[in-house]
């Protein structure tokens, strides 16, 4: 079986992963990666997630870095009118 982990040392503060951060996770398990844009000002944020195979050792391309991009926009200047159809 293949086990891996995500290092939070390289993960941006606006990103979280569960499970898999700083602990071995079986390959067959899904990891949810979430962004927290609530406290971010509008703009584009870039970061990386580093995934390392912990067992077995010697796996090719481990660790692997995955680039992540988050774009935060604001809706302050938009007028939303509900559409009602009959």
PDB file of N, CA and C in Angstrom:
ATOM      1  N   UNK A   1       0.844  -1.173   0.000  1.00  0.00           N
ATOM      2  CA  UNK A   1       0.000   0.000   0.000  1.00  0.00           C
ATOM      3  C   UNK A   1       0.891   1.239   0.000  1.00  0.00           C
ATOM      4  N   UNK A   2       0.423   2.287  -0.657  1.00  0.00           N
ATOM      5  CA  UNK A   2       1.146   3.546  -0.763  1.00  0.00           C
ATOM      6  C   UNK A   2       0.600   4.531   0.279  1.00  0.00           C
ATOM      7  N   UNK A   3       1.505   5.129   1.045  1.00  0.00           N
ATOM      8  CA  UNK A   3       1.117   6.143   2.031  1.00  0.00           C
ATOM      9  C   UNK A   3       1.810   7.453   1.681  1.00  0.00           C
ATOM     10  N   UNK A   4       1.136   8.565   1.930  1.00  0.00           N
ATOM     11  CA  UNK A   4       1.669   9.872   1.569  1.00  0.00           C
ATOM     12  C   UNK A   4       1.235  10.901   2.596  1.00  0.00           C
ATOM     13  N   UNK A   5       1.857  12.082   2.552  1.00  0.00           N
ATOM     14  CA  UNK A   5       1.463  13.192   3.421  1.00  0.00           C
ATOM     15  C   UNK A   5       1.646  14.515   2.691  1.00  0.00           C
ATOM     16  N   UNK A   6       0.910  15.507   3.152  1.00  0.00           N
ATOM     17  CA  UNK A   6       1.024  16.873   2.640  1.00  0.00           C
ATOM     18  C   UNK A   6       1.732  17.691   3.710  1.00  0.00           C
ATOM     19  N   UNK A   7       2.766  18.389   3.320  1.00  0.00           N
ATOM     20  CA  UNK A   7       3.509  19.214   4.267  1.00  0.00           C
ATOM     21  C   UNK A   7       2.827  20.570   4.416  1.00  0.00           C
ATOM     22  N   UNK A   8       2.489  20.936   5.654  1.00  0.00           N
ATOM     23  CA  UNK A   8       1.895  22.258   5.838  1.00  0.00           C
ATOM     24  C   UNK A   8       2.953  23.349   5.900  1.00  0.00           C
ATOM     25  N   UNK A   9       4.232  22.979   5.857  1.00  0.00           N
ATOM     26  CA  UNK A   9       5.313  23.970   5.836  1.00  0.00           C
ATOM     27  C   UNK A   9       5.303  24.754   4.529  1.00  0.00           C
ATOM     28  N   UNK A  10       4.833  24.127   3.444  1.00  0.00           N
ATOM     29  CA  UNK A  10       4.807  24.806   2.152  1.00  0.00           C
ATOM     30  C   UNK A  10       3.405  25.269   1.773  1.00  0.00           C
ATOM     31  N   UNK A  11       2.410  24.944   2.597  1.00  0.00           N
ATOM     32  CA  UNK A  11       1.028  25.281   2.266  1.00  0.00           C
ATOM     33  C   UNK A  11       0.713  26.718   2.708  1.00  0.00           C
ATOM     34  N   UNK A  12       0.071  27.511   1.833  1.00  0.00           N
ATOM     35  CA  UNK A  12      -0.311  28.866   2.218  1.00  0.00           C
ATOM     36  C   UNK A  12      -1.313  28.847   3.374  1.00  0.00           C
ATOM     37  N   UNK A  13      -1.354  29.916   4.152  1.00  0.00           N
ATOM     38  CA  UNK A  13      -2.264  29.981   5.298  1.00  0.00           C
ATOM     39  C   UNK A  13      -3.727  29.989   4.885  1.00  0.00           C
ATOM     40  N   UNK A  14      -4.033  30.377   3.645  1.00  0.00           N
ATOM     41  CA  UNK A  14      -5.421  30.422   3.188  1.00  0.00           C
ATOM     42  C   UNK A  14      -5.890  29.083   2.635  1.00  0.00           C
ATOM     43  N   UNK A  15      -5.079  28.044   2.786  1.00  0.00           N
ATOM     44  CA  UNK A  15      -5.397  26.729   2.257  1.00  0.00           C
ATOM     45  C   UNK A  15      -5.302  25.690   3.368  1.00  0.00           C
ATOM     46  N   UNK A  16      -6.202  24.715   3.334  1.00  0.00           N
ATOM     47  CA  UNK A  16      -6.128  23.616   4.296  1.00  0.00           C
ATOM     48  C   UNK A  16      -6.441  22.307   3.593  1.00  0.00           C
ATOM     49  N   UNK A  17      -5.929  21.220   4.142  1.00  0.00           N
ATOM     50  CA  UNK A  17      -6.172  19.889   3.581  1.00  0.00           C
ATOM     51  C   UNK A  17      -6.502  18.942   4.722  1.00  0.00           C
ATOM     52  N   UNK A  18      -7.482  18.090   4.496  1.00  0.00           N
ATOM     53  CA  UNK A  18      -7.883  17.156   5.532  1.00  0.00           C
ATOM     54  C   UNK A  18      -8.401  15.877   4.909  1.00  0.00           C
ATOM     55  N   UNK A  19      -7.939  14.703   5.278  1.00  0.00           N
ATOM     56  CA  UNK A  19      -6.727  14.472   6.070  1.00  0.00           C
ATOM     57  C   UNK A  19      -5.501  14.554   5.175  1.00  0.00           C
ATOM     58  N   UNK A  20      -4.358  14.252   5.739  1.00  0.00           N
ATOM     59  CA  UNK A  20      -3.149  14.178   4.941  1.00  0.00           C
ATOM     60  C   UNK A  20      -2.073  15.168   5.317  1.00  0.00           C
ATOM     61  N   UNK A  21      -2.389  16.145   6.167  1.00  0.00           N
ATOM     62  CA  UNK A  21      -1.372  17.129   6.534  1.00  0.00           C
ATOM     63  C   UNK A  21      -0.527  16.586   7.674  1.00  0.00           C
ATOM     64  N   UNK A  22       0.769  16.493   7.420  1.00  0.00           N
ATOM     65  CA  UNK A  22       1.753  16.036   8.412  1.00  0.00           C
ATOM     66  C   UNK A  22       1.376  14.708   9.065  1.00  0.00           C
ATOM     67  N   UNK A  23       0.854  13.799   8.285  1.00  0.00           N
ATOM     68  CA  UNK A  23       0.530  12.461   8.769  1.00  0.00           C
ATOM     69  C   UNK A  23       0.316  11.546   7.584  1.00  0.00           C
ATOM     70  N   UNK A  24       0.682  10.298   7.722  1.00  0.00           N
ATOM     71  CA  UNK A  24       0.557   9.362   6.607  1.00  0.00           C
ATOM     72  C   UNK A  24      -0.902   9.027   6.336  1.00  0.00           C
ATOM     73  N   UNK A  25      -1.274   9.091   5.056  1.00  0.00           N
ATOM     74  CA  UNK A  25      -2.625   8.809   4.610  1.00  0.00           C
ATOM     75  C   UNK A  25      -2.563   7.731   3.534  1.00  0.00           C
ATOM     76  N   UNK A  26      -3.428   6.703   3.626  1.00  0.00           N
ATOM     77  CA  UNK A  26      -3.439   5.688   2.573  1.00  0.00           C
ATOM     78  C   UNK A  26      -3.796   6.296   1.222  1.00  0.00           C
ATOM     79  N   UNK A  27      -3.185   5.775   0.162  1.00  0.00           N
ATOM     80  CA  UNK A  27      -3.414   6.288  -1.182  1.00  0.00           C
ATOM     81  C   UNK A  27      -4.885   6.251  -1.570  1.00  0.00           C
ATOM     82  N   UNK A  28      -5.632   5.268  -1.098  1.00  0.00           N
ATOM     83  CA  UNK A  28      -7.032   5.104  -1.493  1.00  0.00           C
ATOM     84  C   UNK A  28      -7.959   6.117  -0.828  1.00  0.00           C
ATOM     85  N   UNK A  29      -7.463   6.878   0.124  1.00  0.00           N
ATOM     86  CA  UNK A  29      -8.297   7.840   0.833  1.00  0.00           C
ATOM     87  C   UNK A  29      -8.288   9.191   0.123  1.00  0.00           C
ATOM     88  N   UNK A  30      -9.458   9.811   0.036  1.00  0.00           N
ATOM     89  CA  UNK A  30      -9.585  11.124  -0.597  1.00  0.00           C
ATOM     90  C   UNK A  30      -9.203  12.220   0.389  1.00  0.00           C
ATOM     91  N   UNK A  31      -8.482  13.219  -0.092  1.00  0.00           N
ATOM     92  CA  UNK A  31      -8.140  14.379   0.723  1.00  0.00           C
ATOM     93  C   UNK A  31      -8.871  15.589   0.179  1.00  0.00           C
ATOM     94  N   UNK A  32      -9.518  16.318   1.053  1.00  0.00           N
ATOM     95  CA  UNK A  32     -10.254  17.517   0.692  1.00  0.00           C
ATOM     96  C   UNK A  32      -9.363  18.726   0.900  1.00  0.00           C
ATOM     97  N   UNK A  33      -9.147  19.507  -0.156  1.00  0.00           N
ATOM     98  CA  UNK A  33      -8.345  20.726  -0.076  1.00  0.00           C
ATOM     99  C   UNK A  33      -9.305  21.903  -0.170  1.00  0.00           C
ATOM    100  N   UNK A  34      -9.287  22.767   0.842  1.00  0.00           N
ATOM    101  CA  UNK A  34     -10.209  23.897   0.914  1.00  0.00           C
ATOM    102  C   UNK A  34      -9.451  25.211   0.963  1.00  0.00           C
ATOM    103  N   UNK A  35     -10.063  26.242   0.397  1.00  0.00           N
ATOM    104  CA  UNK A  35      -9.482  27.578   0.506  1.00  0.00           C
ATOM    105  C   UNK A  35     -10.367  28.426   1.399  1.00  0.00           C
ATOM    106  N   UNK A  36      -9.738  29.314   2.149  1.00  0.00           N
ATOM    107  CA  UNK A  36     -10.462  30.234   3.024  1.00  0.00           C
ATOM    108  C   UNK A  36     -10.243  31.636   2.487  1.00  0.00           C
ATOM    109  N   UNK A  37     -11.177  32.097   1.652  1.00  0.00           N
ATOM    110  CA  UNK A  37     -11.042  33.396   1.005  1.00  0.00           C
ATOM    111  C   UNK A  37     -11.733  34.503   1.785  1.00  0.00           C
ATOM    112  N   UNK A  38     -12.373  34.178   2.889  1.00  0.00           N
ATOM    113  CA  UNK A  38     -13.154  35.169   3.627  1.00  0.00           C
ATOM    114  C   UNK A  38     -12.297  36.325   4.113  1.00  0.00           C
ATOM    115  N   UNK A  39     -11.122  36.058   4.610  1.00  0.00           N
ATOM    116  CA  UNK A  39     -10.261  37.108   5.158  1.00  0.00           C
ATOM    117  C   UNK A  39      -9.306  37.690   4.133  1.00  0.00           C
ATOM    118  N   UNK A  40      -9.376  37.232   2.892  1.00  0.00           N
ATOM    119  CA  UNK A  40      -8.466  37.712   1.857  1.00  0.00           C
ATOM    120  C   UNK A  40      -9.057  38.935   1.156  1.00  0.00           C
ATOM    121  N   UNK A  41      -8.225  39.895   0.855  1.00  0.00           N
ATOM    122  CA  UNK A  41      -8.654  41.032   0.058  1.00  0.00           C
ATOM    123  C   UNK A  41      -8.666  40.607  -1.404  1.00  0.00           C
ATOM    124  N   UNK A  42      -9.429  41.285  -2.258  1.00  0.00           N
ATOM    125  CA  UNK A  42      -9.469  40.899  -3.672  1.00  0.00           C
ATOM    126  C   UNK A  42      -8.070  40.857  -4.285  1.00  0.00           C
ATOM    127  N   UNK A  43      -7.852  39.851  -5.099  1.00  0.00           N
ATOM    128  CA  UNK A  43      -6.561  39.676  -5.758  1.00  0.00           C
ATOM    129  C   UNK A  43      -6.336  38.212  -6.071  1.00  0.00           C
ATOM    130  N   UNK A  44      -5.170  37.916  -6.589  1.00  0.00           N
ATOM    131  CA  UNK A  44      -4.792  36.550  -6.913  1.00  0.00           C
ATOM    132  C   UNK A  44      -3.716  36.104  -5.955  1.00  0.00           C
ATOM    133  N   UNK A  45      -3.914  34.936  -5.373  1.00  0.00           N
ATOM    134  CA  UNK A  45      -2.989  34.369  -4.404  1.00  0.00           C
ATOM    135  C   UNK A  45      -2.436  33.062  -4.972  1.00  0.00           C
ATOM    136  N   UNK A  46      -1.138  32.887  -4.875  1.00  0.00           N
ATOM    137  CA  UNK A  46      -0.491  31.688  -5.391  1.00  0.00           C
ATOM    138  C   UNK A  46       0.257  30.989  -4.268  1.00  0.00           C
ATOM    139  N   UNK A  47       0.309  29.675  -4.366  1.00  0.00           N
ATOM    140  CA  UNK A  47       1.025  28.882  -3.376  1.00  0.00           C
ATOM    141  C   UNK A  47       1.286  27.501  -3.915  1.00  0.00           C
ATOM    142  N   UNK A  48       1.818  26.650  -3.074  1.00  0.00           N
ATOM    143  CA  UNK A  48       2.139  25.282  -3.462  1.00  0.00           C
ATOM    144  C   UNK A  48       1.710  24.308  -2.378  1.00  0.00           C
ATOM    145  N   UNK A  49       1.360  23.103  -2.801  1.00  0.00           N
ATOM    146  CA  UNK A  49       1.141  21.988  -1.901  1.00  0.00           C
ATOM    147  C   UNK A  49       2.231  20.968  -2.230  1.00  0.00           C
ATOM    148  N   UNK A  50       2.935  20.498  -1.208  1.00  0.00           N
ATOM    149  CA  UNK A  50       3.965  19.484  -1.415  1.00  0.00           C
ATOM    150  C   UNK A  50       3.467  18.150  -0.881  1.00  0.00           C
ATOM    151  N   UNK A  51       3.410  17.164  -1.766  1.00  0.00           N
ATOM    152  CA  UNK A  51       2.962  15.816  -1.421  1.00  0.00           C
ATOM    153  C   UNK A  51       4.175  14.896  -1.439  1.00  0.00           C
ATOM    154  N   UNK A  52       4.379  14.165  -0.337  1.00  0.00           N
ATOM    155  CA  UNK A  52       5.512  13.254  -0.214  1.00  0.00           C
ATOM    156  C   UNK A  52       5.006  11.852   0.100  1.00  0.00           C
ATOM    157  N   UNK A  53       5.493  10.872  -0.632  1.00  0.00           N
ATOM    158  CA  UNK A  53       5.177   9.479  -0.335  1.00  0.00           C
ATOM    159  C   UNK A  53       6.022   9.068   0.869  1.00  0.00           C
ATOM    160  N   UNK A  54       5.362   8.561   1.927  1.00  0.00           N
ATOM    161  CA  UNK A  54       6.072   8.168   3.145  1.00  0.00           C
ATOM    162  C   UNK A  54       6.380   6.679   3.183  1.00  0.00           C
ATOM    163  N   UNK A  55       5.626   5.885   2.447  1.00  0.00           N
ATOM    164  CA  UNK A  55       5.862   4.443   2.395  1.00  0.00           C
ATOM    165  C   UNK A  55       5.233   3.888   1.132  1.00  0.00           C
ATOM    166  N   UNK A  56       5.935   3.138   0.357  1.00  0.00           N
ATOM    167  CA  UNK A  56       7.321   2.706   0.513  1.00  0.00           C
ATOM    168  C   UNK A  56       8.289   3.841   0.185  1.00  0.00           C
ATOM    169  N   UNK A  57       9.531   3.671   0.542  1.00  0.00           N
ATOM    170  CA  UNK A  57      10.540   4.691   0.253  1.00  0.00           C
ATOM    171  C   UNK A  57      11.042   4.539  -1.171  1.00  0.00           C
ATOM    172  N   UNK A  58      11.656   5.593  -1.681  1.00  0.00           N
ATOM    173  CA  UNK A  58      12.275   5.546  -2.999  1.00  0.00           C
ATOM    174  C   UNK A  58      11.316   5.694  -4.167  1.00  0.00           C
ATOM    175  N   UNK A  59      10.137   6.234  -3.939  1.00  0.00           N
ATOM    176  CA  UNK A  59       9.158   6.412  -5.017  1.00  0.00           C
ATOM    177  C   UNK A  59       9.613   7.564  -5.919  1.00  0.00           C
ATOM    178  N   UNK A  60       9.574   7.331  -7.221  1.00  0.00           N
ATOM    179  CA  UNK A  60       9.971   8.348  -8.194  1.00  0.00           C
ATOM    180  C   UNK A  60       9.013   9.534  -8.122  1.00  0.00           C
ATOM    181  N   UNK A  61       9.544  10.742  -8.287  1.00  0.00           N
ATOM    182  CA  UNK A  61       8.796  12.004  -8.266  1.00  0.00           C
ATOM    183  C   UNK A  61       8.209  12.325  -6.897  1.00  0.00           C
ATOM    184  N   UNK A  62       8.812  11.846  -5.858  1.00  0.00           N
ATOM    185  CA  UNK A  62       8.375  12.195  -4.507  1.00  0.00           C
ATOM    186  C   UNK A  62       9.536  12.889  -3.817  1.00  0.00           C
ATOM    187  N   UNK A  63       9.337  14.068  -3.298  1.00  0.00           N
ATOM    188  CA  UNK A  63       8.068  14.792  -3.209  1.00  0.00           C
ATOM    189  C   UNK A  63       7.672  15.462  -4.526  1.00  0.00           C
ATOM    190  N   UNK A  64       6.394  15.753  -4.639  1.00  0.00           N
ATOM    191  CA  UNK A  64       5.835  16.444  -5.794  1.00  0.00           C
ATOM    192  C   UNK A  64       5.196  17.742  -5.321  1.00  0.00           C
ATOM    193  N   UNK A  65       5.451  18.816  -6.051  1.00  0.00           N
ATOM    194  CA  UNK A  65       4.870  20.116  -5.716  1.00  0.00           C
ATOM    195  C   UNK A  65       3.743  20.422  -6.686  1.00  0.00           C
ATOM    196  N   UNK A  66       2.571  20.784  -6.129  1.00  0.00           N
ATOM    197  CA  UNK A  66       1.391  21.102  -6.929  1.00  0.00           C
ATOM    198  C   UNK A  66       1.106  22.593  -6.763  1.00  0.00           C
ATOM    199  N   UNK A  67       1.156  23.370  -7.858  1.00  0.00           N
ATOM    200  CA  UNK A  67       0.852  24.808  -7.756  1.00  0.00           C
ATOM    201  C   UNK A  67      -0.647  25.030  -7.568  1.00  0.00           C
ATOM    202  N   UNK A  68      -0.975  25.991  -6.706  1.00  0.00           N
ATOM    203  CA  UNK A  68      -2.361  26.341  -6.401  1.00  0.00           C
ATOM    204  C   UNK A  68      -2.529  27.843  -6.627  1.00  0.00           C
ATOM    205  N   UNK A  69      -3.657  28.211  -7.227  1.00  0.00           N
ATOM    206  CA  UNK A  69      -3.964  29.630  -7.440  1.00  0.00           C
ATOM    207  C   UNK A  69      -5.384  29.910  -6.967  1.00  0.00           C
ATOM    208  N   UNK A  70      -5.559  30.998  -6.233  1.00  0.00           N
ATOM    209  CA  UNK A  70      -6.867  31.419  -5.731  1.00  0.00           C
ATOM    210  C   UNK A  70      -7.095  32.852  -6.162  1.00  0.00           C
ATOM    211  N   UNK A  71      -8.219  33.114  -6.827  1.00  0.00           N
ATOM    212  CA  UNK A  71      -8.577  34.472  -7.216  1.00  0.00           C
ATOM    213  C   UNK A  71      -9.784  34.902  -6.399  1.00  0.00           C
ATOM    214  N   UNK A  72      -9.620  35.993  -5.660  1.00  0.00           N
ATOM    215  CA  UNK A  72     -10.689  36.542  -4.824  1.00  0.00           C
ATOM    216  C   UNK A  72     -11.215  37.793  -5.507  1.00  0.00           C
ATOM    217  N   UNK A  73     -12.519  37.831  -5.736  1.00  0.00           N
ATOM    218  CA  UNK A  73     -13.155  39.004  -6.334  1.00  0.00           C
ATOM    219  C   UNK A  73     -14.179  39.554  -5.359  1.00  0.00           C
ATOM    220  N   UNK A  74     -14.671  40.726  -5.655  1.00  0.00           N
ATOM    221  CA  UNK A  74     -15.706  41.331  -4.833  1.00  0.00           C
ATOM    222  C   UNK A  74     -16.953  41.536  -5.673  1.00  0.00           C
ATOM    223  N   UNK A  75     -18.088  41.425  -5.052  1.00  0.00           N
ATOM    224  CA  UNK A  75     -19.350  41.637  -5.751  1.00  0.00           C
ATOM    225  C   UNK A  75     -20.004  42.959  -5.346  1.00  0.00           C
ATOM    226  N   UNK A  76     -19.241  43.846  -4.720  1.00  0.00           N
ATOM    227  CA  UNK A  76     -19.789  45.108  -4.217  1.00  0.00           C
ATOM    228  C   UNK A  76     -20.403  45.980  -5.298  1.00  0.00           C
ATOM    229  N   UNK A  77     -19.900  45.898  -6.519  1.00  0.00           N
ATOM    230  CA  UNK A  77     -20.361  46.791  -7.580  1.00  0.00           C
ATOM    231  C   UNK A  77     -21.432  46.174  -8.466  1.00  0.00           C
ATOM    232  N   UNK A  78     -21.952  45.026  -8.074  1.00  0.00           N
ATOM    233  CA  UNK A  78     -22.953  44.355  -8.885  1.00  0.00           C
ATOM    234  C   UNK A  78     -24.329  44.489  -8.258  1.00  0.00           C
ATOM    235  N   UNK A  79     -25.329  44.635  -9.103  1.00  0.00           N
ATOM    236  CA  UNK A  79     -26.726  44.666  -8.654  1.00  0.00           C
ATOM    237  C   UNK A  79     -27.348  43.350  -9.051  1.00  0.00           C
ATOM    238  N   UNK A  80     -27.848  42.630  -8.081  1.00  0.00           N
ATOM    239  CA  UNK A  80     -28.457  41.326  -8.355  1.00  0.00           C
ATOM    240  C   UNK A  80     -29.970  41.451  -8.224  1.00  0.00           C
ATOM    241  N   UNK A  81     -30.646  41.173  -9.297  1.00  0.00           N
ATOM    242  CA  UNK A  81     -32.109  41.209  -9.324  1.00  0.00           C
ATOM    243  C   UNK A  81     -32.597  39.776  -9.544  1.00  0.00           C
ATOM    244  N   UNK A  82     -33.433  39.278  -8.648  1.00  0.00           N
ATOM    245  CA  UNK A  82     -33.900  37.894  -8.833  1.00  0.00           C
ATOM    246  C   UNK A  82     -34.743  37.759 -10.085  1.00  0.00           C
ATOM    247  N   UNK A  83     -34.570  36.657 -10.774  1.00  0.00           N
ATOM    248  CA  UNK A  83     -35.352  36.356 -11.964  1.00  0.00           C
ATOM    249  C   UNK A  83     -36.551  35.531 -11.549  1.00  0.00           C
ATOM    250  N   UNK A  84     -37.736  36.046 -11.845  1.00  0.00           N
ATOM    251  CA  UNK A  84     -38.984  35.326 -11.516  1.00  0.00           C
ATOM    252  C   UNK A  84     -39.677  34.993 -12.822  1.00  0.00           C
ATOM    253  N   UNK A  85     -39.901  33.724 -13.024  1.00  0.00           N
ATOM    254  CA  UNK A  85     -40.601  33.294 -14.224  1.00  0.00           C
ATOM    255  C   UNK A  85     -41.906  32.634 -13.845  1.00  0.00           C
ATOM    256  N   UNK A  86     -42.900  32.768 -14.733  1.00  0.00           N
ATOM    257  CA  UNK A  86     -44.199  32.139 -14.477  1.00  0.00           C
ATOM    258  C   UNK A  86     -44.613  31.361 -15.680  1.00  0.00           C
TER     259      UNK A  86
END
